[in-house]
Amino acid sequence: MDEEQKDILRLACSRLNFAHKVGCDWGFDKTVVYGRGVSVLLYGPSGTGKTMAAQIMAAETGMELYRVDLSRLSSKYVGETEKNVSKLFEEAKNLNIILFFDEADSLFSKRTDITDSNDKFANAETAFILQQVEQYEGMCILATNLYKNFDSAFIRRISCVVKFSLPDEERRYLLWKSIIPEKAPVSPDLDLRFLAENFDMSGSEIKSVIYTAAFIAAEKDQPISMNHIIKALRIDFAKAGKLLSESLLGPYGR
């Protein structure tokens, strides 16, 4: 992450850590009587660190992170979703936890033009959920890959918004380098700079490839080499339904 992103996340944590100082000691509770909670929206491609950021923020504030099961909140029956959401936030107040909504666009989607009763109830649900988030005096963290699907009214009310992007070449190199533990045996032919230059991958994808390569190497009782990494890349590409081009592998192709 760059410093600007980190500063926004630090500010979100500070709003919890210093809530008593600013609210009570400095008297802001008398002038800010609504929306004192912290809502954070993390958006960007899959595998760029949104969930990890939520975990780090929980550690920074010394609070438990509760991952909300969205499938258990939404209901096809009128009024049931609102009841489930109310119960969730009531329990959260009692437990003093951070609520983490992954793939949150499914719950906080844009309101639609009303053409039938279903649209009316769906819009009412969205409005109710937005209200609950705004009234909650703890922290809500929402993660999504689909920023455009979010209701614009919610975006205006949120405390902090952080965009997560795919890493550039230099950050990819640092990821390749940092994910391999110091104790792991590494072959001298391991060309991390080549991998960073030629494979536009997320941090999650890089981690997956290295981890798979480690097991391939361990089975053969060998240090992790480019041969193991290439095999792991082929497996990762096949898993995603993609073909790893031999031209992309350069000198390390067959």
Protein backbone atom coordinates (compact mmCIF):
# COMPACT_ATOMS: atom_id res chain seq x y z
CA MET A 1 0.00 0.00 0.00
CA ASP A 2 1.12 3.57 -0.55
CA GLU A 3 1.29 6.09 2.30
CA GLU A 4 -1.96 7.82 1.35
CA GLN A 5 -3.88 4.54 1.68
CA LYS A 6 -2.18 3.77 4.99
CA ASP A 7 -3.00 7.24 6.34
CA ILE A 8 -6.71 6.74 5.62
CA LEU A 9 -6.73 3.38 7.43
CA ARG A 10 -4.79 4.88 10.36
CA LEU A 11 -7.35 7.68 10.57
CA ALA A 12 -10.18 5.14 10.68
CA CYS A 13 -8.46 3.35 13.57
CA SER A 14 -7.83 6.65 15.35
CA ARG A 15 -11.55 7.44 15.24
CA LEU A 16 -12.07 4.40 17.46
CA ASN A 17 -8.94 4.63 19.59
CA PHE A 18 -9.46 8.30 20.44
CA ALA A 19 -13.26 8.41 20.45
CA HIS A 20 -13.42 9.12 24.22
CA LYS A 21 -10.76 11.82 24.07
CA VAL A 22 -12.37 13.70 21.19
CA GLY A 23 -15.99 13.01 22.18
CA CYS A 24 -15.94 13.37 25.97
CA ASP A 25 -12.73 15.23 26.90
CA TRP A 26 -12.93 17.69 24.02
CA GLY A 27 -16.74 17.90 24.04
CA PHE A 28 -17.53 16.84 20.49
CA ASP A 29 -20.25 14.46 21.68
CA LYS A 30 -22.41 17.53 22.30
CA THR A 31 -22.02 18.90 18.78
CA VAL A 32 -21.79 15.63 16.83
CA VAL A 33 -24.78 13.63 18.01
CA TYR A 34 -25.27 11.46 14.92
CA GLY A 35 -22.93 9.38 12.78
CA ARG A 36 -20.15 9.03 15.34
CA GLY A 37 -19.31 5.50 14.26
CA VAL A 38 -16.70 4.53 11.70
CA SER A 39 -17.61 2.99 8.35
CA VAL A 40 -14.81 1.94 6.01
CA LEU A 41 -15.20 0.84 2.41
CA LEU A 42 -12.34 -1.16 0.88
CA TYR A 43 -12.69 -1.76 -2.84
CA GLY A 44 -10.59 -3.18 -5.63
CA PRO A 45 -9.77 -6.39 -7.49
CA SER A 46 -9.78 -9.75 -5.78
CA GLY A 47 -6.59 -10.74 -3.97
CA THR A 48 -5.28 -7.22 -3.36
CA GLY A 49 -5.39 -7.34 0.45
CA LYS A 50 -8.79 -6.03 1.51
CA THR A 51 -9.47 -8.80 4.03
CA MET A 52 -5.92 -8.58 5.37
CA ALA A 53 -6.36 -4.83 5.86
CA ALA A 54 -9.53 -5.47 7.87
CA GLN A 55 -7.65 -7.94 10.07
CA ILE A 56 -4.83 -5.45 10.65
CA MET A 57 -7.30 -2.70 11.58
CA ALA A 58 -8.90 -5.01 14.13
CA ALA A 59 -5.47 -5.68 15.64
CA GLU A 60 -4.66 -1.95 15.71
CA THR A 61 -7.85 -1.18 17.64
CA GLY A 62 -7.62 -4.24 19.90
CA MET A 63 -11.09 -5.41 18.85
CA GLU A 64 -12.47 -8.67 17.53
CA LEU A 65 -13.34 -8.83 13.83
CA TYR A 66 -16.69 -10.50 13.12
CA ARG A 67 -17.19 -11.61 9.54
CA VAL A 68 -20.88 -11.25 8.70
CA ASP A 69 -22.49 -14.13 6.83
CA LEU A 70 -24.55 -12.19 4.30
CA SER A 71 -26.50 -15.27 3.24
CA ARG A 72 -28.01 -15.43 6.72
CA LEU A 73 -29.01 -11.75 6.70
CA SER A 74 -30.91 -11.56 3.43
CA SER A 75 -34.38 -13.07 3.22
CA LYS A 76 -36.99 -13.28 0.49
CA TYR A 77 -39.72 -12.62 3.06
CA VAL A 78 -40.84 -9.06 3.63
CA GLY A 79 -39.39 -7.54 6.79
CA GLU A 80 -37.14 -10.51 7.64
CA THR A 81 -33.95 -8.91 6.34
CA GLU A 82 -34.56 -5.82 8.50
CA LYS A 83 -35.14 -8.04 11.55
CA ASN A 84 -31.91 -9.93 10.91
CA VAL A 85 -29.95 -6.71 10.42
CA SER A 86 -31.39 -5.18 13.61
CA LYS A 87 -30.43 -8.26 15.60
CA LEU A 88 -26.92 -8.21 14.15
CA PHE A 89 -26.25 -4.59 15.12
CA GLU A 90 -27.82 -5.04 18.57
CA GLU A 91 -25.50 -7.97 19.28
CA ALA A 92 -22.53 -6.03 17.90
CA LYS A 93 -23.23 -3.18 20.36
CA ASN A 94 -23.23 -5.61 23.27
CA LEU A 95 -20.05 -7.38 22.17
CA ASN A 96 -18.11 -4.27 21.06
CA ILE A 97 -16.84 -5.83 17.84
CA ILE A 98 -15.91 -4.71 14.34
CA LEU A 99 -18.38 -5.89 11.71
CA PHE A 100 -16.79 -7.03 8.46
CA PHE A 101 -19.03 -7.33 5.38
CA ASP A 102 -17.19 -9.12 2.57
CA GLU A 103 -18.69 -8.89 -0.95
CA ALA A 104 -20.80 -6.13 0.56
CA ASP A 105 -22.21 -4.95 -2.76
CA SER A 106 -24.74 -7.78 -2.54
CA LEU A 107 -26.25 -6.14 0.55
CA PHE A 108 -25.63 -2.45 -0.13
CA SER A 109 -26.53 -2.44 -3.83
CA LYS A 110 -27.96 0.52 -5.70
CA ARG A 111 -31.60 1.27 -5.23
CA THR A 112 -33.67 0.76 -8.35
CA ASP A 113 -36.52 2.60 -10.00
CA ILE A 114 -39.75 1.32 -8.54
CA THR A 115 -41.70 -0.75 -11.05
CA ASP A 116 -43.37 -3.20 -8.69
CA SER A 117 -43.71 -4.07 -5.00
CA ASN A 118 -40.48 -6.10 -5.04
CA ASP A 119 -38.47 -3.01 -6.01
CA LYS A 120 -40.19 -1.02 -3.27
CA PHE A 121 -39.29 -3.55 -0.57
CA ALA A 122 -35.71 -3.95 -1.87
CA ASN A 123 -35.18 -0.18 -1.74
CA ALA A 124 -36.64 -0.04 1.77
CA GLU A 125 -34.21 -2.79 2.87
CA THR A 126 -31.23 -0.91 1.46
CA ALA A 127 -32.29 2.34 3.15
CA PHE A 128 -32.76 0.54 6.47
CA ILE A 129 -29.32 -1.09 6.28
CA LEU A 130 -27.68 2.24 5.46
CA GLN A 131 -29.37 3.75 8.50
CA GLN A 132 -28.15 0.95 10.77
CA VAL A 133 -24.56 1.34 9.59
CA GLU A 134 -24.67 5.09 10.14
CA GLN A 135 -26.14 4.78 13.63
CA TYR A 136 -23.71 2.09 14.79
CA GLU A 137 -21.11 3.72 17.04
CA GLY A 138 -18.50 1.04 16.47
CA MET A 139 -16.74 0.20 13.22
CA CYS A 140 -18.13 -1.41 10.07
CA ILE A 141 -15.70 -2.51 7.36
CA LEU A 142 -17.09 -3.33 3.94
CA ALA A 143 -15.13 -4.96 1.13
CA THR A 144 -16.14 -5.26 -2.50
CA ASN A 145 -14.75 -5.97 -5.95
CA LEU A 146 -17.70 -4.10 -7.51
CA TYR A 147 -17.56 -0.48 -6.38
CA LYS A 148 -19.96 0.67 -9.12
CA ASN A 149 -22.72 -1.52 -7.70
CA PHE A 150 -22.82 0.42 -4.43
CA ASP A 151 -25.65 2.77 -3.61
CA SER A 152 -24.43 6.37 -4.05
CA ALA A 153 -26.26 7.45 -0.88
CA PHE A 154 -24.15 5.03 1.10
CA ILE A 155 -20.90 6.26 -0.46
CA ARG A 156 -21.72 9.82 0.63
CA ARG A 157 -22.28 8.73 4.23
CA ILE A 158 -19.24 6.50 4.64
CA SER A 159 -16.34 7.67 6.82
CA CYS A 160 -13.37 6.37 4.82
CA VAL A 161 -12.99 4.90 1.33
CA VAL A 162 -9.79 3.14 0.26
CA LYS A 163 -9.08 1.84 -3.23
CA PHE A 164 -6.95 -1.30 -3.53
CA SER A 165 -5.13 -1.75 -6.84
CA LEU A 166 -3.15 -4.56 -8.39
CA PRO A 167 0.54 -4.14 -7.49
CA ASP A 168 2.92 -2.57 -9.98
CA GLU A 169 6.16 -4.29 -11.00
CA GLU A 170 8.20 -3.08 -8.03
CA ARG A 171 5.53 -4.05 -5.52
CA ARG A 172 5.17 -7.43 -7.22
CA TYR A 173 8.91 -7.95 -6.80
CA LEU A 174 8.69 -7.07 -3.10
CA LEU A 175 5.78 -9.50 -2.71
CA TRP A 176 7.65 -12.34 -4.42
CA LYS A 177 10.62 -11.60 -2.19
CA SER A 178 8.83 -11.10 1.13
CA ILE A 179 6.42 -14.05 0.97
CA ILE A 180 9.26 -16.60 0.86
CA PRO A 181 10.33 -17.20 4.49
CA GLU A 182 13.99 -16.72 5.42
CA LYS A 183 14.22 -20.36 6.53
CA ALA A 184 12.98 -21.70 3.20
CA PRO A 185 15.74 -23.20 1.00
CA VAL A 186 16.01 -21.27 -2.27
CA SER A 187 17.88 -22.19 -5.43
CA PRO A 188 20.34 -19.62 -6.88
CA ASP A 189 18.38 -19.74 -10.16
CA LEU A 190 15.24 -18.26 -8.59
CA ASP A 191 14.67 -15.15 -10.73
CA LEU A 192 12.12 -13.06 -8.81
CA ARG A 193 12.76 -9.98 -10.94
CA PHE A 194 11.77 -11.92 -14.08
CA LEU A 195 8.57 -13.09 -12.39
CA ALA A 196 7.69 -9.55 -11.28
CA GLU A 197 8.33 -8.13 -14.74
CA ASN A 198 6.36 -10.72 -16.70
CA PHE A 199 3.40 -11.74 -14.54
CA ASP A 200 0.75 -9.17 -13.66
CA MET A 201 -0.54 -10.87 -10.53
CA SER A 202 -2.23 -9.90 -7.27
CA GLY A 203 -0.60 -10.49 -3.91
CA SER A 204 -2.97 -13.38 -3.25
CA GLU A 205 -2.03 -15.05 -6.55
CA ILE A 206 1.69 -14.63 -5.88
CA LYS A 207 1.29 -16.16 -2.43
CA SER A 208 -0.62 -19.10 -3.88
CA VAL A 209 2.07 -19.80 -6.50
CA ILE A 210 4.92 -19.63 -3.98
CA TYR A 211 3.10 -21.87 -1.52
CA THR A 212 2.35 -24.48 -4.20
CA ALA A 213 5.96 -24.34 -5.44
CA ALA A 214 7.20 -24.93 -1.89
CA PHE A 215 5.30 -28.22 -1.67
CA ILE A 216 6.52 -29.32 -5.11
CA ALA A 217 10.09 -28.64 -3.95
CA ALA A 218 9.59 -30.27 -0.56
CA GLU A 219 8.30 -33.48 -2.15
CA LYS A 220 11.50 -33.72 -4.18
CA ASP A 221 13.64 -32.62 -1.20
CA GLN A 222 15.02 -29.74 -3.26
CA PRO A 223 15.36 -25.99 -2.70
CA ILE A 224 12.65 -23.86 -4.32
CA SER A 225 13.73 -23.19 -7.91
CA MET A 226 12.36 -21.58 -11.07
CA ASN A 227 11.33 -25.04 -12.26
CA HIS A 228 9.05 -25.41 -9.22
CA ILE A 229 7.68 -21.89 -9.63
CA ILE A 230 6.87 -22.51 -13.31
CA LYS A 231 5.03 -25.74 -12.44
CA ALA A 232 3.08 -23.86 -9.77
CA LEU A 233 2.25 -21.10 -12.28
CA ARG A 234 0.87 -23.66 -14.71
CA ILE A 235 -1.32 -25.09 -11.95
CA ASP A 236 -2.54 -21.61 -10.94
CA PHE A 237 -3.33 -20.60 -14.52
CA ALA A 238 -5.17 -23.87 -15.16
CA LYS A 239 -7.22 -23.36 -12.00
CA ALA A 240 -8.36 -20.00 -13.38
CA GLY A 241 -9.14 -21.56 -16.77
CA LYS A 242 -6.23 -19.77 -18.46
CA LEU A 243 -3.38 -21.07 -20.61
CA LEU A 244 0.15 -20.14 -19.64
CA SER A 245 1.82 -19.01 -22.84
CA GLU A 246 5.29 -20.42 -23.47
CA SER A 247 6.37 -17.04 -24.87
CA LEU A 248 5.54 -15.48 -21.49
CA LEU A 249 7.98 -17.86 -19.80
CA GLY A 250 10.90 -16.74 -21.98
CA PRO A 251 14.06 -18.72 -21.14
CA TYR A 252 12.13 -20.75 -18.56
CA GLY A 253 9.67 -22.26 -21.05
CA ARG A 254 9.88 -25.81 -22.32
